[in-house]
Amino acid sequence: MSGTTQPFFIVSSGRSGTAMMERLFALFPQIDMHHEYMVHHIQPAACAYQMGILDADHVLDVLRLTHGSAVHYSASPTWGDASNKLSWVIPLLERLFPAARYVHLVRDGRKVASSYFHKLGAECYDDASTAIMQAFYDADGVLPAPPPEKKYWWPLPRHDDPVARDFRGFDQFERIAWHWSEINRTIARDLESIPQERRHFVRLEDLVTRAHARSDLLNFLGLPWDDRVAGLLARPHNVNRPEDYPLTPMQSEQLWRLAGDMMRQFGYHERPEYRVAYRG
């Protein structure tokens, strides 16, 4: 047990390289590294917090029992979690860990939306699970909560959100495109209040292709260079089907309509949609 363990959190949309980050930081023996730590507890709590179903105190209790206890009892100098689920609760993490560091990891929304839609469509904003979650939210405590399965607990727009009415008519791809924009907007907003020296922004594409992006990330976390890093980043991970699906013209229109502002904020309007080269 160490009372001086330093936590850091990699926050992002899903399908953006968090599983790869777990493998990367597991190279360093001084880090106790995780991917989506205690996800069946964190995902429902974080989703409910984002939607206003649970208040901050309730979700803080969940984080204390999971991440708080894990950091407290870790025998390593550094403890890390790469989890898109934590993206919704950055202010609460900051209350629990006032010295924590944060990495905002971003991947091109075109690739994220396509990957979710084609590879994880059964557990990300599918029609049936979204309808169940919407009915639960609309019932305001009358219906039992859905079980803590991933397929149910994806945030919906709050009732007072201007997009809430239109969202009910979205198809699955539109819901996913909205999600990529909303989760990254939330991360960027919440990290603004974190001191500059404790937050770092990086695009996944730059980590893969640019040596300075890799060294900047390691320097931010106080880690030495390891020659294995570049080779690990060159190989896609957490890929259940090694196929690349460029957007159709309709999907491209939907993505830019719903997520265009964030795409431009991160500079993806100046970058062509890249192709993923899967290797055996």
Protein backbone atom coordinates (compact mmCIF):
# COMPACT_ATOMS: atom_id res chain seq x y z
CA MET A 1 0.00 0.00 0.00
CA SER A 2 1.26 3.47 -0.85
CA GLY A 3 -0.08 6.79 0.40
CA THR A 4 1.82 8.62 -2.33
CA THR A 5 0.52 6.85 -5.44
CA GLN A 6 -0.08 9.40 -8.20
CA PRO A 7 -3.14 8.76 -10.42
CA PHE A 8 -3.62 9.75 -14.04
CA PHE A 9 -6.61 9.31 -16.31
CA ILE A 10 -6.83 8.98 -20.08
CA VAL A 11 -10.21 10.34 -21.10
CA SER A 12 -11.67 10.03 -24.58
CA SER A 13 -14.47 8.69 -26.66
CA GLY A 14 -14.46 4.92 -26.97
CA ARG A 15 -12.81 3.37 -30.05
CA SER A 16 -10.06 5.97 -29.69
CA GLY A 17 -7.12 3.91 -28.47
CA THR A 18 -7.71 3.49 -24.75
CA ALA A 19 -7.07 -0.26 -24.91
CA MET A 20 -3.83 0.52 -26.72
CA MET A 21 -2.93 2.98 -23.97
CA GLU A 22 -3.32 0.25 -21.36
CA ARG A 23 -0.82 -1.90 -23.23
CA LEU A 24 1.53 1.02 -23.78
CA PHE A 25 1.70 2.09 -20.15
CA ALA A 26 1.87 -1.50 -18.95
CA LEU A 27 5.39 -1.44 -20.43
CA PHE A 28 6.45 0.68 -17.47
CA PRO A 29 6.86 -1.30 -14.22
CA GLN A 30 6.24 1.79 -12.09
CA ILE A 31 2.64 2.08 -13.39
CA ASP A 32 -0.35 0.08 -12.19
CA MET A 33 -2.33 0.46 -15.44
CA HIS A 34 -5.97 -0.34 -16.23
CA HIS A 35 -8.51 -0.11 -19.04
CA GLU A 36 -12.08 0.80 -18.07
CA TYR A 37 -11.49 -0.10 -14.44
CA MET A 38 -14.65 -1.47 -12.75
CA VAL A 39 -16.65 -0.63 -15.86
CA HIS A 40 -19.96 -2.17 -14.73
CA HIS A 41 -19.97 0.20 -11.77
CA ILE A 42 -18.54 3.27 -13.49
CA GLN A 43 -20.45 3.27 -16.76
CA PRO A 44 -23.98 3.37 -15.26
CA ALA A 45 -22.93 5.92 -12.62
CA ALA A 46 -21.16 8.19 -15.11
CA CYS A 47 -24.00 8.00 -17.63
CA ALA A 48 -26.58 8.75 -14.95
CA TYR A 49 -24.50 11.68 -13.71
CA GLN A 50 -24.24 13.15 -17.20
CA MET A 51 -28.01 12.89 -17.62
CA GLY A 52 -28.78 14.35 -14.20
CA ILE A 53 -30.26 11.10 -12.86
CA LEU A 54 -27.66 10.78 -10.06
CA ASP A 55 -26.19 13.67 -8.13
CA ALA A 56 -22.51 14.34 -7.53
CA ASP A 57 -22.43 12.92 -4.00
CA HIS A 58 -23.84 9.57 -5.13
CA VAL A 59 -21.34 9.23 -7.97
CA LEU A 60 -18.48 10.34 -5.73
CA ASP A 61 -19.35 7.44 -3.44
CA VAL A 62 -19.03 5.06 -6.40
CA LEU A 63 -15.68 6.56 -7.38
CA ARG A 64 -14.39 6.34 -3.79
CA LEU A 65 -15.27 2.64 -3.61
CA THR A 66 -13.64 1.87 -6.96
CA HIS A 67 -10.88 4.24 -8.03
CA GLY A 68 -10.32 5.74 -4.60
CA SER A 69 -9.72 2.37 -3.00
CA ALA A 70 -7.62 1.12 -5.92
CA VAL A 71 -5.28 4.10 -5.76
CA HIS A 72 -5.07 3.93 -1.96
CA TYR A 73 -4.05 0.27 -1.94
CA SER A 74 -1.79 0.34 -4.99
CA ALA A 75 1.83 -0.59 -4.35
CA SER A 76 3.00 1.34 -7.43
CA PRO A 77 4.17 4.97 -7.63
CA THR A 78 1.65 5.64 -10.42
CA TRP A 79 -1.89 4.34 -11.04
CA GLY A 80 -3.64 4.87 -14.35
CA ASP A 81 -7.00 4.20 -15.99
CA ALA A 82 -7.70 4.65 -19.69
CA SER A 83 -11.48 4.85 -19.82
CA ASN A 84 -14.00 6.72 -21.91
CA LYS A 85 -16.48 6.19 -19.06
CA LEU A 86 -14.55 8.62 -16.86
CA SER A 87 -14.93 11.35 -19.48
CA TRP A 88 -18.29 12.34 -17.97
CA VAL A 89 -17.03 12.72 -14.39
CA ILE A 90 -13.82 14.77 -14.62
CA PRO A 91 -15.00 17.34 -12.02
CA LEU A 92 -15.66 14.50 -9.57
CA LEU A 93 -12.28 12.89 -10.23
CA GLU A 94 -10.73 16.27 -9.54
CA ARG A 95 -12.50 16.46 -6.18
CA LEU A 96 -11.30 12.97 -5.28
CA PHE A 97 -7.77 13.32 -6.67
CA PRO A 98 -6.76 17.02 -6.65
CA ALA A 99 -3.27 16.27 -8.01
CA ALA A 100 -4.32 13.88 -10.80
CA ARG A 101 -3.10 14.27 -14.37
CA TYR A 102 -5.38 13.96 -17.40
CA VAL A 103 -4.71 13.01 -21.00
CA HIS A 104 -7.40 13.95 -23.52
CA LEU A 105 -6.96 11.38 -26.27
CA VAL A 106 -8.83 12.17 -29.49
CA ARG A 107 -9.34 10.10 -32.62
CA ASP A 108 -10.93 11.26 -35.88
CA GLY A 109 -14.69 11.18 -35.39
CA ARG A 110 -15.15 9.56 -38.79
CA LYS A 111 -13.16 6.52 -37.72
CA VAL A 112 -14.70 6.39 -34.24
CA ALA A 113 -18.29 6.54 -35.49
CA SER A 114 -17.63 3.97 -38.20
CA SER A 115 -15.89 1.63 -35.76
CA TYR A 116 -18.72 1.82 -33.23
CA PHE A 117 -21.38 1.38 -35.90
CA HIS A 118 -19.82 -1.55 -37.75
CA LYS A 119 -17.95 -3.35 -34.97
CA LEU A 120 -19.85 -2.64 -31.74
CA GLY A 121 -23.30 -1.86 -33.06
CA ALA A 122 -24.95 -4.39 -30.77
CA GLU A 123 -23.75 -2.56 -27.65
CA CYS A 124 -23.68 1.11 -28.63
CA TYR A 125 -26.93 3.05 -29.13
CA ASP A 126 -28.79 0.16 -30.78
CA ASP A 127 -32.48 0.89 -31.28
CA ALA A 128 -33.86 -1.47 -28.63
CA SER A 129 -31.45 -0.56 -25.82
CA THR A 130 -31.73 3.16 -26.56
CA ALA A 131 -35.54 2.93 -26.41
CA ILE A 132 -35.32 1.21 -23.02
CA MET A 133 -32.95 3.86 -21.68
CA GLN A 134 -35.13 6.66 -23.04
CA ALA A 135 -38.24 5.18 -21.44
CA PHE A 136 -36.42 4.81 -18.11
CA TYR A 137 -35.26 8.44 -18.28
CA ASP A 138 -38.68 9.76 -19.26
CA ALA A 139 -40.37 7.83 -16.42
CA ASP A 140 -38.39 9.81 -13.82
CA GLY A 141 -37.98 7.05 -11.25
CA VAL A 142 -41.16 5.05 -11.96
CA LEU A 143 -39.44 2.30 -13.98
CA PRO A 144 -36.56 0.18 -12.67
CA ALA A 145 -33.14 1.08 -14.01
CA PRO A 146 -31.76 -1.08 -16.84
CA PRO A 147 -29.17 -3.66 -15.76
CA PRO A 148 -25.52 -2.55 -15.76
CA GLU A 149 -24.79 -3.87 -19.24
CA LYS A 150 -22.84 -1.69 -21.62
CA LYS A 151 -25.56 -1.65 -24.26
CA TYR A 152 -27.96 0.36 -22.11
CA TRP A 153 -25.81 2.99 -20.44
CA TRP A 154 -24.97 5.53 -23.11
CA PRO A 155 -25.94 9.13 -22.28
CA LEU A 156 -29.00 10.63 -23.91
CA PRO A 157 -29.54 14.39 -24.21
CA ARG A 158 -31.10 15.87 -21.10
CA HIS A 159 -34.72 16.93 -21.47
CA ASP A 160 -33.71 20.59 -21.59
CA ASP A 161 -31.03 20.04 -24.25
CA PRO A 162 -32.00 21.72 -27.57
CA VAL A 163 -31.20 18.49 -29.43
CA ALA A 164 -33.33 16.25 -27.17
CA ARG A 165 -36.43 16.29 -29.37
CA ASP A 166 -34.55 15.61 -32.60
CA PHE A 167 -32.45 12.90 -30.91
CA ARG A 168 -35.54 10.73 -30.52
CA GLY A 169 -35.74 10.49 -34.31
CA PHE A 170 -32.03 9.83 -34.88
CA ASP A 171 -30.90 6.56 -36.40
CA GLN A 172 -28.11 4.59 -34.74
CA PHE A 173 -25.29 6.22 -36.70
CA GLU A 174 -26.59 9.70 -35.86
CA ARG A 175 -26.72 8.81 -32.16
CA ILE A 176 -23.11 7.62 -32.34
CA ALA A 177 -21.98 10.77 -34.17
CA TRP A 178 -23.71 12.93 -31.54
CA HIS A 179 -22.00 10.92 -28.81
CA TRP A 180 -18.49 11.47 -30.24
CA SER A 181 -19.12 15.21 -30.36
CA GLU A 182 -20.76 15.43 -26.94
CA ILE A 183 -18.19 13.39 -25.03
CA ASN A 184 -15.27 15.33 -26.50
CA ARG A 185 -17.06 18.65 -25.91
CA THR A 186 -17.58 17.65 -22.27
CA ILE A 187 -13.94 16.63 -21.83
CA ALA A 188 -12.63 19.85 -23.39
CA ARG A 189 -14.97 21.96 -21.26
CA ASP A 190 -14.17 20.23 -17.98
CA LEU A 191 -10.41 20.16 -18.53
CA GLU A 192 -10.39 23.93 -19.03
CA SER A 193 -10.57 24.34 -15.25
CA ILE A 194 -7.61 21.99 -14.66
CA PRO A 195 -4.19 23.71 -14.42
CA GLN A 196 -2.26 23.48 -17.70
CA GLU A 197 0.56 21.45 -16.16
CA ARG A 198 -1.88 18.65 -15.25
CA ARG A 199 -3.61 18.20 -18.61
CA HIS A 200 -2.38 17.07 -22.00
CA PHE A 201 -4.09 16.85 -25.38
CA VAL A 202 -3.05 14.41 -28.11
CA ARG A 203 -4.55 12.96 -31.27
CA LEU A 204 -4.26 9.20 -31.67
CA GLU A 205 -3.15 9.68 -35.27
CA ASP A 206 -0.22 11.82 -34.11
CA LEU A 207 0.83 9.25 -31.51
CA VAL A 208 1.00 6.64 -34.25
CA THR A 209 2.88 8.73 -36.82
CA ARG A 210 4.87 11.41 -34.99
CA ALA A 211 7.77 10.74 -32.64
CA HIS A 212 7.44 14.10 -30.91
CA ALA A 213 3.82 13.32 -29.94
CA ARG A 214 4.97 10.12 -28.27
CA SER A 215 7.84 11.80 -26.43
CA ASP A 216 5.60 14.69 -25.34
CA LEU A 217 3.12 12.23 -23.81
CA LEU A 218 5.82 10.35 -21.94
CA ASN A 219 7.40 13.59 -20.74
CA PHE A 220 4.02 14.83 -19.49
CA LEU A 221 3.74 11.74 -17.29
CA GLY A 222 7.40 11.82 -16.24
CA LEU A 223 8.27 8.59 -18.02
CA PRO A 224 11.51 7.66 -19.79
CA TRP A 225 11.61 6.79 -23.47
CA ASP A 226 11.09 3.10 -24.30
CA ASP A 227 11.91 1.85 -27.81
CA ARG A 228 8.95 -0.53 -27.68
CA VAL A 229 6.44 2.35 -27.68
CA ALA A 230 6.57 3.13 -31.40
CA GLY A 231 6.18 -0.52 -32.42
CA LEU A 232 3.25 -1.05 -30.09
CA LEU A 233 1.42 2.03 -31.40
CA ALA A 234 1.86 0.86 -35.00
CA ARG A 235 -0.38 -2.17 -34.39
CA PRO A 236 -4.14 -1.65 -33.87
CA HIS A 237 -5.47 -3.25 -30.67
CA ASN A 238 -8.92 -4.16 -29.36
CA VAL A 239 -9.99 -5.00 -32.91
CA ASN A 240 -12.69 -7.66 -33.05
CA ARG A 241 -12.97 -7.45 -36.86
CA PRO A 242 -9.85 -6.26 -38.75
CA GLU A 243 -11.78 -4.36 -41.42
CA ASP A 244 -11.89 -0.67 -42.27
CA TYR A 245 -15.22 0.95 -43.17
CA PRO A 246 -15.01 4.42 -44.75
CA LEU A 247 -18.17 6.48 -44.30
CA THR A 248 -20.90 6.41 -46.91
CA PRO A 249 -21.96 9.80 -48.33
CA MET A 250 -25.04 9.76 -46.06
CA GLN A 251 -22.98 8.92 -42.97
CA SER A 252 -20.48 11.64 -43.84
CA GLU A 253 -23.30 14.19 -44.03
CA GLN A 254 -24.68 13.01 -40.69
CA LEU A 255 -21.27 13.14 -39.02
CA TRP A 256 -20.45 16.66 -40.18
CA ARG A 257 -23.93 17.92 -39.36
CA LEU A 258 -23.85 16.59 -35.80
CA ALA A 259 -20.14 16.71 -34.96
CA GLY A 260 -18.70 19.22 -37.40
CA ASP A 261 -17.90 21.84 -34.76
CA MET A 262 -15.77 19.40 -32.74
CA MET A 263 -14.18 17.97 -35.89
CA ARG A 264 -13.06 21.48 -36.81
CA GLN A 265 -11.95 22.28 -33.26
CA PHE A 266 -9.59 19.30 -33.34
CA GLY A 267 -8.35 20.05 -36.85
CA TYR A 268 -9.90 17.09 -38.63
CA HIS A 269 -11.54 19.31 -41.27
CA GLU A 270 -8.02 19.77 -42.68
CA ARG A 271 -7.24 16.05 -42.72
CA PRO A 272 -8.61 13.48 -45.18
CA GLU A 273 -10.22 10.40 -43.69
CA TYR A 274 -7.36 7.99 -43.18
CA ARG A 275 -7.38 4.26 -43.86
CA VAL A 276 -6.45 1.80 -41.13
CA ALA A 277 -3.86 -0.74 -42.27
CA TYR A 278 -4.42 -3.94 -40.31
CA ARG A 279 -1.45 -6.28 -40.07
CA GLY A 280 -1.31 -9.95 -39.40
